[in-house]
Amino acid sequence: MEGGGKKRKMEDEEEKIEKFYALIRSTREVRQLLRGNSNGLKEKKDEKKEDSKAAGGWNPTFQPEDFLEDVKISGHHGGGSSKAKQEEEEEEEDKKEEDKEDKDHG
């Protein structure tokens, strides 16, 4: 009976592999459609180079200001702007002064 169990496992594995490769094929087809190569014809080398440059991918650029909101929320700043640090230090000083005044009056 063990031989039948192993055979069934092998069949399951093969089925999973086939599904995996089918998924890869469909992903490639979608990618080609999105790139505009749906006709399946080979293009000239020059045109292909231009397409690859245009469809080369998104190259984002970031500025420190993009992360200021995140820094305020998390309270962490790994090399953030000096202005944000300065404001935070001023807030801490204000808190210390308020605490000192509360202790003196209380």
PDB file of N, CA and C in Angstrom:
ATOM      1  N   MET A   1       0.798  -1.207   0.000  1.00  0.00           N
ATOM      2  CA  MET A   1       0.000   0.000   0.000  1.00  0.00           C
ATOM      3  C   MET A   1       0.841   1.272   0.000  1.00  0.00           C
ATOM      4  N   GLU A   2       2.062   1.177   0.557  1.00  0.00           N
ATOM      5  CA  GLU A   2       2.897   2.358   0.598  1.00  0.00           C
ATOM      6  C   GLU A   2       3.262   2.843  -0.792  1.00  0.00           C
ATOM      7  N   GLY A   3       3.460   1.935  -1.731  1.00  0.00           N
ATOM      8  CA  GLY A   3       3.800   2.304  -3.099  1.00  0.00           C
ATOM      9  C   GLY A   3       2.721   3.170  -3.723  1.00  0.00           C
ATOM     10  N   GLY A   4       1.459   2.886  -3.415  1.00  0.00           N
ATOM     11  CA  GLY A   4       0.351   3.686  -3.943  1.00  0.00           C
ATOM     12  C   GLY A   4       0.348   5.087  -3.365  1.00  0.00           C
ATOM     13  N   GLY A   5       0.722   5.221  -2.086  1.00  0.00           N
ATOM     14  CA  GLY A   5       0.787   6.535  -1.451  1.00  0.00           C
ATOM     15  C   GLY A   5       1.881   7.401  -2.061  1.00  0.00           C
ATOM     16  N   LYS A   6       3.022   6.790  -2.322  1.00  0.00           N
ATOM     17  CA  LYS A   6       4.126   7.526  -2.932  1.00  0.00           C
ATOM     18  C   LYS A   6       3.763   7.960  -4.344  1.00  0.00           C
ATOM     19  N   LYS A   7       3.070   7.079  -5.053  1.00  0.00           N
ATOM     20  CA  LYS A   7       2.673   7.402  -6.422  1.00  0.00           C
ATOM     21  C   LYS A   7       1.701   8.580  -6.422  1.00  0.00           C
ATOM     22  N   ARG A   8       0.793   8.572  -5.469  1.00  0.00           N
ATOM     23  CA  ARG A   8      -0.186   9.663  -5.372  1.00  0.00           C
ATOM     24  C   ARG A   8       0.515  10.985  -5.048  1.00  0.00           C
ATOM     25  N   LYS A   9       1.513  10.929  -4.161  1.00  0.00           N
ATOM     26  CA  LYS A   9       2.259  12.133  -3.826  1.00  0.00           C
ATOM     27  C   LYS A   9       2.995  12.681  -5.046  1.00  0.00           C
ATOM     28  N   MET A  10       3.561  11.774  -5.824  1.00  0.00           N
ATOM     29  CA  MET A  10       4.269  12.190  -7.032  1.00  0.00           C
ATOM     30  C   MET A  10       3.318  12.854  -8.011  1.00  0.00           C
ATOM     31  N   GLU A  11       2.118  12.289  -8.146  1.00  0.00           N
ATOM     32  CA  GLU A  11       1.120  12.871  -9.044  1.00  0.00           C
ATOM     33  C   GLU A  11       0.709  14.258  -8.555  1.00  0.00           C
ATOM     34  N   ASP A  12       0.544  14.407  -7.245  1.00  0.00           N
ATOM     35  CA  ASP A  12       0.192  15.714  -6.696  1.00  0.00           C
ATOM     36  C   ASP A  12       1.294  16.732  -6.965  1.00  0.00           C
ATOM     37  N   GLU A  13       2.539  16.310  -6.781  1.00  0.00           N
ATOM     38  CA  GLU A  13       3.671  17.196  -7.028  1.00  0.00           C
ATOM     39  C   GLU A  13       3.733  17.597  -8.497  1.00  0.00           C
ATOM     40  N   GLU A  14       3.520  16.644  -9.383  1.00  0.00           N
ATOM     41  CA  GLU A  14       3.542  16.942 -10.819  1.00  0.00           C
ATOM     42  C   GLU A  14       2.425  17.912 -11.182  1.00  0.00           C
ATOM     43  N   GLU A  15       1.276  17.729 -10.573  1.00  0.00           N
ATOM     44  CA  GLU A  15       0.149  18.621 -10.840  1.00  0.00           C
ATOM     45  C   GLU A  15       0.477  20.041 -10.365  1.00  0.00           C
ATOM     46  N   LYS A  16       1.099  20.150  -9.198  1.00  0.00           N
ATOM     47  CA  LYS A  16       1.486  21.460  -8.683  1.00  0.00           C
ATOM     48  C   LYS A  16       2.514  22.118  -9.602  1.00  0.00           C
ATOM     49  N   ILE A  17       3.450  21.332 -10.087  1.00  0.00           N
ATOM     50  CA  ILE A  17       4.475  21.853 -10.987  1.00  0.00           C
ATOM     51  C   ILE A  17       3.849  22.356 -12.276  1.00  0.00           C
ATOM     52  N   GLU A  18       2.897  21.596 -12.819  1.00  0.00           N
ATOM     53  CA  GLU A  18       2.217  22.015 -14.042  1.00  0.00           C
ATOM     54  C   GLU A  18       1.460  23.317 -13.825  1.00  0.00           C
ATOM     55  N   LYS A  19       0.794  23.441 -12.695  1.00  0.00           N
ATOM     56  CA  LYS A  19       0.073  24.679 -12.381  1.00  0.00           C
ATOM     57  C   LYS A  19       1.050  25.844 -12.266  1.00  0.00           C
ATOM     58  N   PHE A  20       2.188  25.580 -11.657  1.00  0.00           N
ATOM     59  CA  PHE A  20       3.205  26.615 -11.502  1.00  0.00           C
ATOM     60  C   PHE A  20       3.680  27.120 -12.859  1.00  0.00           C
ATOM     61  N   TYR A  21       4.014  26.188 -13.753  1.00  0.00           N
ATOM     62  CA  TYR A  21       4.480  26.594 -15.074  1.00  0.00           C
ATOM     63  C   TYR A  21       3.377  27.288 -15.878  1.00  0.00           C
ATOM     64  N   ALA A  22       2.142  26.864 -15.695  1.00  0.00           N
ATOM     65  CA  ALA A  22       1.032  27.535 -16.372  1.00  0.00           C
ATOM     66  C   ALA A  22       0.911  28.973 -15.867  1.00  0.00           C
ATOM     67  N   LEU A  23       1.120  29.155 -14.580  1.00  0.00           N
ATOM     68  CA  LEU A  23       1.076  30.495 -14.000  1.00  0.00           C
ATOM     69  C   LEU A  23       2.199  31.368 -14.560  1.00  0.00           C
ATOM     70  N   ILE A  24       3.379  30.802 -14.693  1.00  0.00           N
ATOM     71  CA  ILE A  24       4.503  31.544 -15.265  1.00  0.00           C
ATOM     72  C   ILE A  24       4.200  31.948 -16.700  1.00  0.00           C
ATOM     73  N   ARG A  25       3.656  31.002 -17.483  1.00  0.00           N
ATOM     74  CA  ARG A  25       3.323  31.315 -18.887  1.00  0.00           C
ATOM     75  C   ARG A  25       2.299  32.443 -18.952  1.00  0.00           C
ATOM     76  N   SER A  26       1.272  32.367 -18.139  1.00  0.00           N
ATOM     77  CA  SER A  26       0.237  33.405 -18.196  1.00  0.00           C
ATOM     78  C   SER A  26       0.800  34.755 -17.738  1.00  0.00           C
ATOM     79  N   THR A  27       1.714  34.724 -16.775  1.00  0.00           N
ATOM     80  CA  THR A  27       2.341  35.969 -16.326  1.00  0.00           C
ATOM     81  C   THR A  27       3.161  36.588 -17.444  1.00  0.00           C
ATOM     82  N   ARG A  28       3.896  35.768 -18.166  1.00  0.00           N
ATOM     83  CA  ARG A  28       4.681  36.270 -19.293  1.00  0.00           C
ATOM     84  C   ARG A  28       3.776  36.848 -20.372  1.00  0.00           C
ATOM     85  N   GLU A  29       2.663  36.184 -20.639  1.00  0.00           N
ATOM     86  CA  GLU A  29       1.733  36.674 -21.653  1.00  0.00           C
ATOM     87  C   GLU A  29       1.182  38.035 -21.257  1.00  0.00           C
ATOM     88  N   VAL A  30       0.823  38.183 -19.989  1.00  0.00           N
ATOM     89  CA  VAL A  30       0.289  39.466 -19.524  1.00  0.00           C
ATOM     90  C   VAL A  30       1.356  40.550 -19.638  1.00  0.00           C
ATOM     91  N   ARG A  31       2.578  40.216 -19.268  1.00  0.00           N
ATOM     92  CA  ARG A  31       3.672  41.180 -19.361  1.00  0.00           C
ATOM     93  C   ARG A  31       3.865  41.621 -20.807  1.00  0.00           C
ATOM     94  N   GLN A  32       3.822  40.673 -21.736  1.00  0.00           N
ATOM     95  CA  GLN A  32       3.980  41.023 -23.146  1.00  0.00           C
ATOM     96  C   GLN A  32       2.832  41.903 -23.626  1.00  0.00           C
ATOM     97  N   LEU A  33       1.635  41.606 -23.169  1.00  0.00           N
ATOM     98  CA  LEU A  33       0.495  42.432 -23.544  1.00  0.00           C
ATOM     99  C   LEU A  33       0.660  43.859 -23.021  1.00  0.00           C
ATOM    100  N   LEU A  34       1.129  43.971 -21.795  1.00  0.00           N
ATOM    101  CA  LEU A  34       1.311  45.295 -21.216  1.00  0.00           C
ATOM    102  C   LEU A  34       2.416  46.073 -21.913  1.00  0.00           C
ATOM    103  N   ARG A  35       3.408  45.375 -22.419  1.00  0.00           N
ATOM    104  CA  ARG A  35       4.497  46.030 -23.141  1.00  0.00           C
ATOM    105  C   ARG A  35       4.095  46.360 -24.573  1.00  0.00           C
ATOM    106  N   GLY A  36       3.001  45.834 -25.033  1.00  0.00           N
ATOM    107  CA  GLY A  36       2.557  46.114 -26.390  1.00  0.00           C
ATOM    108  C   GLY A  36       3.061  45.121 -27.409  1.00  0.00           C
ATOM    109  N   ASN A  37       3.528  43.973 -26.966  1.00  0.00           N
ATOM    110  CA  ASN A  37       4.028  42.946 -27.882  1.00  0.00           C
ATOM    111  C   ASN A  37       2.985  41.863 -28.109  1.00  0.00           C
ATOM    112  N   SER A  38       1.727  42.218 -28.122  1.00  0.00           N
ATOM    113  CA  SER A  38       0.671  41.219 -28.221  1.00  0.00           C
ATOM    114  C   SER A  38       0.628  40.529 -29.581  1.00  0.00           C
ATOM    115  N   ASN A  39       1.193  41.153 -30.619  1.00  0.00           N
ATOM    116  CA  ASN A  39       1.140  40.536 -31.942  1.00  0.00           C
ATOM    117  C   ASN A  39       2.110  39.374 -32.066  1.00  0.00           C
ATOM    118  N   GLY A  40       3.079  39.275 -31.159  1.00  0.00           N
ATOM    119  CA  GLY A  40       3.994  38.149 -31.147  1.00  0.00           C
ATOM    120  C   GLY A  40       5.057  38.189 -32.227  1.00  0.00           C
ATOM    121  N   LEU A  41       5.097  39.230 -33.044  1.00  0.00           N
ATOM    122  CA  LEU A  41       6.103  39.339 -34.097  1.00  0.00           C
ATOM    123  C   LEU A  41       7.382  39.922 -33.527  1.00  0.00           C
ATOM    124  N   LYS A  42       8.506  39.480 -34.072  1.00  0.00           N
ATOM    125  CA  LYS A  42       9.797  40.022 -33.629  1.00  0.00           C
ATOM    126  C   LYS A  42      10.000  41.378 -34.276  1.00  0.00           C
ATOM    127  N   GLU A  43      10.496  42.303 -33.475  1.00  0.00           N
ATOM    128  CA  GLU A  43      10.729  43.643 -33.986  1.00  0.00           C
ATOM    129  C   GLU A  43      12.187  43.788 -34.395  1.00  0.00           C
ATOM    130  N   LYS A  44      12.472  44.857 -35.114  1.00  0.00           N
ATOM    131  CA  LYS A  44      13.848  45.146 -35.482  1.00  0.00           C
ATOM    132  C   LYS A  44      14.637  45.463 -34.218  1.00  0.00           C
ATOM    133  N   LYS A  45      15.954  45.283 -34.278  1.00  0.00           N
ATOM    134  CA  LYS A  45      16.788  45.493 -33.099  1.00  0.00           C
ATOM    135  C   LYS A  45      16.670  46.910 -32.571  1.00  0.00           C
ATOM    136  N   ASP A  46      16.652  47.904 -33.465  1.00  0.00           N
ATOM    137  CA  ASP A  46      16.574  49.298 -33.029  1.00  0.00           C
ATOM    138  C   ASP A  46      15.269  49.565 -32.289  1.00  0.00           C
ATOM    139  N   GLU A  47      14.175  49.080 -32.843  1.00  0.00           N
ATOM    140  CA  GLU A  47      12.876  49.272 -32.206  1.00  0.00           C
ATOM    141  C   GLU A  47      12.819  48.558 -30.864  1.00  0.00           C
ATOM    142  N   LYS A  48      13.431  47.402 -30.812  1.00  0.00           N
ATOM    143  CA  LYS A  48      13.435  46.613 -29.588  1.00  0.00           C
ATOM    144  C   LYS A  48      14.186  47.356 -28.488  1.00  0.00           C
ATOM    145  N   LYS A  49      15.317  47.980 -28.844  1.00  0.00           N
ATOM    146  CA  LYS A  49      16.085  48.736 -27.872  1.00  0.00           C
ATOM    147  C   LYS A  49      15.263  49.897 -27.330  1.00  0.00           C
ATOM    148  N   GLU A  50      14.554  50.592 -28.215  1.00  0.00           N
ATOM    149  CA  GLU A  50      13.730  51.713 -27.783  1.00  0.00           C
ATOM    150  C   GLU A  50      12.630  51.249 -26.845  1.00  0.00           C
ATOM    151  N   ASP A  51      11.993  50.128 -27.174  1.00  0.00           N
ATOM    152  CA  ASP A  51      10.940  49.598 -26.325  1.00  0.00           C
ATOM    153  C   ASP A  51      11.481  49.198 -24.963  1.00  0.00           C
ATOM    154  N   SER A  52      12.657  48.584 -24.966  1.00  0.00           N
ATOM    155  CA  SER A  52      13.208  48.149 -23.687  1.00  0.00           C
ATOM    156  C   SER A  52      13.540  49.346 -22.811  1.00  0.00           C
ATOM    157  N   LYS A  53      13.955  50.449 -23.419  1.00  0.00           N
ATOM    158  CA  LYS A  53      14.218  51.660 -22.641  1.00  0.00           C
ATOM    159  C   LYS A  53      12.918  52.224 -22.095  1.00  0.00           C
ATOM    160  N   ALA A  54      11.891  52.246 -22.918  1.00  0.00           N
ATOM    161  CA  ALA A  54      10.617  52.804 -22.493  1.00  0.00           C
ATOM    162  C   ALA A  54       9.953  51.928 -21.438  1.00  0.00           C
ATOM    163  N   ALA A  55      10.054  50.620 -21.591  1.00  0.00           N
ATOM    164  CA  ALA A  55       9.412  49.701 -20.663  1.00  0.00           C
ATOM    165  C   ALA A  55      10.401  49.190 -19.620  1.00  0.00           C
ATOM    166  N   GLY A  56      11.563  49.834 -19.513  1.00  0.00           N
ATOM    167  CA  GLY A  56      12.617  49.388 -18.622  1.00  0.00           C
ATOM    168  C   GLY A  56      12.229  49.348 -17.166  1.00  0.00           C
ATOM    169  N   GLY A  57      11.219  50.032 -16.782  1.00  0.00           N
ATOM    170  CA  GLY A  57      10.797  49.999 -15.395  1.00  0.00           C
ATOM    171  C   GLY A  57      10.774  51.393 -14.806  1.00  0.00           C
ATOM    172  N   TRP A  58      10.186  51.462 -13.680  1.00  0.00           N
ATOM    173  CA  TRP A  58       9.998  52.714 -12.982  1.00  0.00           C
ATOM    174  C   TRP A  58      11.179  52.929 -12.066  1.00  0.00           C
ATOM    175  N   ASN A  59      11.783  54.077 -12.145  1.00  0.00           N
ATOM    176  CA  ASN A  59      12.920  54.405 -11.307  1.00  0.00           C
ATOM    177  C   ASN A  59      12.533  55.586 -10.426  1.00  0.00           C
ATOM    178  N   PRO A  60      12.014  55.310  -9.221  1.00  0.00           N
ATOM    179  CA  PRO A  60      11.522  56.401  -8.376  1.00  0.00           C
ATOM    180  C   PRO A  60      12.663  57.225  -7.787  1.00  0.00           C
ATOM    181  N   THR A  61      12.370  58.484  -7.547  1.00  0.00           N
ATOM    182  CA  THR A  61      13.312  59.346  -6.843  1.00  0.00           C
ATOM    183  C   THR A  61      12.608  59.881  -5.602  1.00  0.00           C
ATOM    184  N   PHE A  62      13.341  59.954  -4.532  1.00  0.00           N
ATOM    185  CA  PHE A  62      12.764  60.384  -3.264  1.00  0.00           C
ATOM    186  C   PHE A  62      13.511  61.588  -2.728  1.00  0.00           C
ATOM    187  N   GLN A  63      12.800  62.383  -1.988  1.00  0.00           N
ATOM    188  CA  GLN A  63      13.364  63.530  -1.298  1.00  0.00           C
ATOM    189  C   GLN A  63      13.155  63.312   0.195  1.00  0.00           C
ATOM    190  N   PRO A  64      13.989  63.893   1.046  1.00  0.00           N
ATOM    191  CA  PRO A  64      13.800  63.717   2.499  1.00  0.00           C
ATOM    192  C   PRO A  64      12.404  64.134   2.968  1.00  0.00           C
ATOM    193  N   GLU A  65      11.822  65.114   2.301  1.00  0.00           N
ATOM    194  CA  GLU A  65      10.491  65.588   2.684  1.00  0.00           C
ATOM    195  C   GLU A  65       9.432  64.495   2.551  1.00  0.00           C
ATOM    196  N   ASP A  66       9.688  63.532   1.666  1.00  0.00           N
ATOM    197  CA  ASP A  66       8.734  62.450   1.460  1.00  0.00           C
ATOM    198  C   ASP A  66       8.546  61.620   2.718  1.00  0.00           C
ATOM    199  N   PHE A  67       9.535  61.632   3.605  1.00  0.00           N
ATOM    200  CA  PHE A  67       9.506  60.763   4.774  1.00  0.00           C
ATOM    201  C   PHE A  67       9.252  61.516   6.071  1.00  0.00           C
ATOM    202  N   LEU A  68       9.069  62.810   6.022  1.00  0.00           N
ATOM    203  CA  LEU A  68       8.865  63.574   7.249  1.00  0.00           C
ATOM    204  C   LEU A  68       7.627  63.120   8.004  1.00  0.00           C
ATOM    205  N   GLU A  69       6.566  62.823   7.293  1.00  0.00           N
ATOM    206  CA  GLU A  69       5.334  62.349   7.935  1.00  0.00           C
ATOM    207  C   GLU A  69       5.583  61.047   8.677  1.00  0.00           C
ATOM    208  N   ASP A  70       6.325  60.132   8.061  1.00  0.00           N
ATOM    209  CA  ASP A  70       6.644  58.850   8.694  1.00  0.00           C
ATOM    210  C   ASP A  70       7.482  59.055   9.944  1.00  0.00           C
ATOM    211  N   VAL A  71       8.401  60.000   9.893  1.00  0.00           N
ATOM    212  CA  VAL A  71       9.265  60.262  11.039  1.00  0.00           C
ATOM    213  C   VAL A  71       8.434  60.778  12.199  1.00  0.00           C
ATOM    214  N   LYS A  72       7.506  61.659  11.923  1.00  0.00           N
ATOM    215  CA  LYS A  72       6.660  62.207  12.981  1.00  0.00           C
ATOM    216  C   LYS A  72       5.818  61.119  13.626  1.00  0.00           C
ATOM    217  N   ILE A  73       5.304  60.198  12.824  1.00  0.00           N
ATOM    218  CA  ILE A  73       4.439  59.135  13.333  1.00  0.00           C
ATOM    219  C   ILE A  73       5.237  58.132  14.150  1.00  0.00           C
ATOM    220  N   SER A  74       6.358  57.679  13.636  1.00  0.00           N
ATOM    221  CA  SER A  74       7.118  56.620  14.295  1.00  0.00           C
ATOM    222  C   SER A  74       7.995  57.135  15.429  1.00  0.00           C
ATOM    223  N   GLY A  75       8.388  58.388  15.372  1.00  0.00           N
ATOM    224  CA  GLY A  75       9.268  58.929  16.387  1.00  0.00           C
ATOM    225  C   GLY A  75      10.724  58.609  16.112  1.00  0.00           C
ATOM    226  N   HIS A  76      11.002  57.887  15.037  1.00  0.00           N
ATOM    227  CA  HIS A  76      12.376  57.550  14.668  1.00  0.00           C
ATOM    228  C   HIS A  76      12.840  58.490  13.589  1.00  0.00           C
ATOM    229  N   HIS A  77      14.121  58.791  13.623  1.00  0.00           N
ATOM    230  CA  HIS A  77      14.690  59.556  12.531  1.00  0.00           C
ATOM    231  C   HIS A  77      16.118  59.126  12.338  1.00  0.00           C
ATOM    232  N   GLY A  78      16.340  58.489  11.221  1.00  0.00           N
ATOM    233  CA  GLY A  78      17.679  58.033  10.883  1.00  0.00           C
ATOM    234  C   GLY A  78      18.300  58.986   9.902  1.00  0.00           C
ATOM    235  N   GLY A  79      18.825  60.094  10.388  1.00  0.00           N
ATOM    236  CA  GLY A  79      19.453  61.062   9.501  1.00  0.00           C
ATOM    237  C   GLY A  79      18.443  61.974   8.836  1.00  0.00           C
ATOM    238  N   GLY A  80      17.336  62.257   9.520  1.00  0.00           N
ATOM    239  CA  GLY A  80      16.329  63.154   8.971  1.00  0.00           C
ATOM    240  C   GLY A  80      16.856  64.572   8.904  1.00  0.00           C
ATOM    241  N   SER A  81      16.024  65.506   8.514  1.00  0.00           N
ATOM    242  CA  SER A  81      16.473  66.878   8.357  1.00  0.00           C
ATOM    243  C   SER A  81      16.817  67.474   9.710  1.00  0.00           C
ATOM    244  N   SER A  82      17.751  68.392   9.729  1.00  0.00           N
ATOM    245  CA  SER A  82      18.187  69.019  10.976  1.00  0.00           C
ATOM    246  C   SER A  82      17.073  69.897  11.535  1.00  0.00           C
ATOM    247  N   LYS A  83      16.223  70.417  10.679  1.00  0.00           N
ATOM    248  CA  LYS A  83      15.118  71.245  11.127  1.00  0.00           C
ATOM    249  C   LYS A  83      14.165  70.432  12.000  1.00  0.00           C
ATOM    250  N   ALA A  84      13.875  69.205  11.595  1.00  0.00           N
ATOM    251  CA  ALA A  84      12.992  68.336  12.378  1.00  0.00           C
ATOM    252  C   ALA A  84      13.628  68.022  13.725  1.00  0.00           C
ATOM    253  N   LYS A  85      14.926  67.769  13.741  1.00  0.00           N
ATOM    254  CA  LYS A  85      15.629  67.494  14.995  1.00  0.00           C
ATOM    255  C   LYS A  85      15.572  68.712  15.908  1.00  0.00           C
ATOM    256  N   GLN A  86      15.789  69.868  15.329  1.00  0.00           N
ATOM    257  CA  GLN A  86      15.792  71.106  16.106  1.00  0.00           C
ATOM    258  C   GLN A  86      14.421  71.342  16.736  1.00  0.00           C
ATOM    259  N   GLU A  87      13.362  71.123  15.971  1.00  0.00           N
ATOM    260  CA  GLU A  87      12.013  71.292  16.503  1.00  0.00           C
ATOM    261  C   GLU A  87      11.743  70.312  17.640  1.00  0.00           C
ATOM    262  N   GLU A  88      12.211  69.081  17.482  1.00  0.00           N
ATOM    263  CA  GLU A  88      12.005  68.071  18.512  1.00  0.00           C
ATOM    264  C   GLU A  88      12.749  68.446  19.789  1.00  0.00           C
ATOM    265  N   GLU A  89      13.978  68.942  19.643  1.00  0.00           N
ATOM    266  CA  GLU A  89      14.750  69.366  20.807  1.00  0.00           C
ATOM    267  C   GLU A  89      14.064  70.517  21.521  1.00  0.00           C
ATOM    268  N   GLU A  90      13.496  71.457  20.760  1.00  0.00           N
ATOM    269  CA  GLU A  90      12.787  72.579  21.366  1.00  0.00           C
ATOM    270  C   GLU A  90      11.564  72.099  22.140  1.00  0.00           C
ATOM    271  N   GLU A  91      10.858  71.128  21.588  1.00  0.00           N
ATOM    272  CA  GLU A  91       9.694  70.573  22.282  1.00  0.00           C
ATOM    273  C   GLU A  91      10.115  69.911  23.592  1.00  0.00           C
ATOM    274  N   GLU A  92      11.227  69.181  23.572  1.00  0.00           N
ATOM    275  CA  GLU A  92      11.715  68.530  24.787  1.00  0.00           C
ATOM    276  C   GLU A  92      12.095  69.566  25.840  1.00  0.00           C
ATOM    277  N   GLU A  93      12.748  70.653  25.397  1.00  0.00           N
ATOM    278  CA  GLU A  93      13.113  71.718  26.330  1.00  0.00           C
ATOM    279  C   GLU A  93      11.870  72.349  26.936  1.00  0.00           C
ATOM    280  N   ASP A  94      10.842  72.578  26.114  1.00  0.00           N
ATOM    281  CA  ASP A  94       9.598  73.156  26.610  1.00  0.00           C
ATOM    282  C   ASP A  94       8.961  72.253  27.657  1.00  0.00           C
ATOM    283  N   LYS A  95       8.980  70.947  27.411  1.00  0.00           N
ATOM    284  CA  LYS A  95       8.409  69.996  28.371  1.00  0.00           C
ATOM    285  C   LYS A  95       9.171  70.038  29.687  1.00  0.00           C
ATOM    286  N   LYS A  96      10.494  70.091  29.597  1.00  0.00           N
ATOM    287  CA  LYS A  96      11.312  70.145  30.807  1.00  0.00           C
ATOM    288  C   LYS A  96      11.002  71.398  31.616  1.00  0.00           C
ATOM    289  N   GLU A  97      10.866  72.531  30.919  1.00  0.00           N
ATOM    290  CA  GLU A  97      10.549  73.782  31.599  1.00  0.00           C
ATOM    291  C   GLU A  97       9.176  73.710  32.262  1.00  0.00           C
ATOM    292  N   GLU A  98       8.201  73.125  31.560  1.00  0.00           N
ATOM    293  CA  GLU A  98       6.862  72.984  32.128  1.00  0.00           C
ATOM    294  C   GLU A  98       6.888  72.091  33.360  1.00  0.00           C
ATOM    295  N   ASP A  99       7.625  70.995  33.295  1.00  0.00           N
ATOM    296  CA  ASP A  99       7.739  70.085  34.441  1.00  0.00           C
ATOM    297  C   ASP A  99       8.384  70.791  35.618  1.00  0.00           C
ATOM    298  N   LYS A 100       9.411  71.578  35.325  1.00  0.00           N
ATOM    299  CA  LYS A 100      10.112  72.306  36.378  1.00  0.00           C
ATOM    300  C   LYS A 100       9.174  73.316  37.035  1.00  0.00           C
ATOM    301  N   GLU A 101       8.390  74.035  36.213  1.00  0.00           N
ATOM    302  CA  GLU A 101       7.449  75.006  36.740  1.00  0.00           C
ATOM    303  C   GLU A 101       6.371  74.318  37.580  1.00  0.00           C
ATOM    304  N   ASP A 102       5.898  73.149  37.128  1.00  0.00           N
ATOM    305  CA  ASP A 102       4.882  72.398  37.877  1.00  0.00           C
ATOM    306  C   ASP A 102       5.428  71.985  39.231  1.00  0.00           C
ATOM    307  N   LYS A 103       6.677  71.550  39.288  1.00  0.00           N
ATOM    308  CA  LYS A 103       7.293  71.116  40.554  1.00  0.00           C
ATOM    309  C   LYS A 103       7.474  72.312  41.483  1.00  0.00           C
ATOM    310  N   ASP A 104       7.865  73.449  40.907  1.00  0.00           N
ATOM    311  CA  ASP A 104       8.076  74.649  41.722  1.00  0.00           C
ATOM    312  C   ASP A 104       6.762  75.162  42.302  1.00  0.00           C
ATOM    313  N   HIS A 105       5.678  75.056  41.540  1.00  0.00           N
ATOM    314  CA  HIS A 105       4.361  75.559  41.986  1.00  0.00           C
ATOM    315  C   HIS A 105       3.610  74.517  42.794  1.00  0.00           C
ATOM    316  N   GLY A 106       3.985  73.274  42.711  1.00  0.00           N
ATOM    317  CA  GLY A 106       3.214  72.214  43.333  1.00  0.00           C
ATOM    318  C   GLY A 106       3.842  71.625  44.477  1.00  0.00           C
TER     319      GLY A 106
END
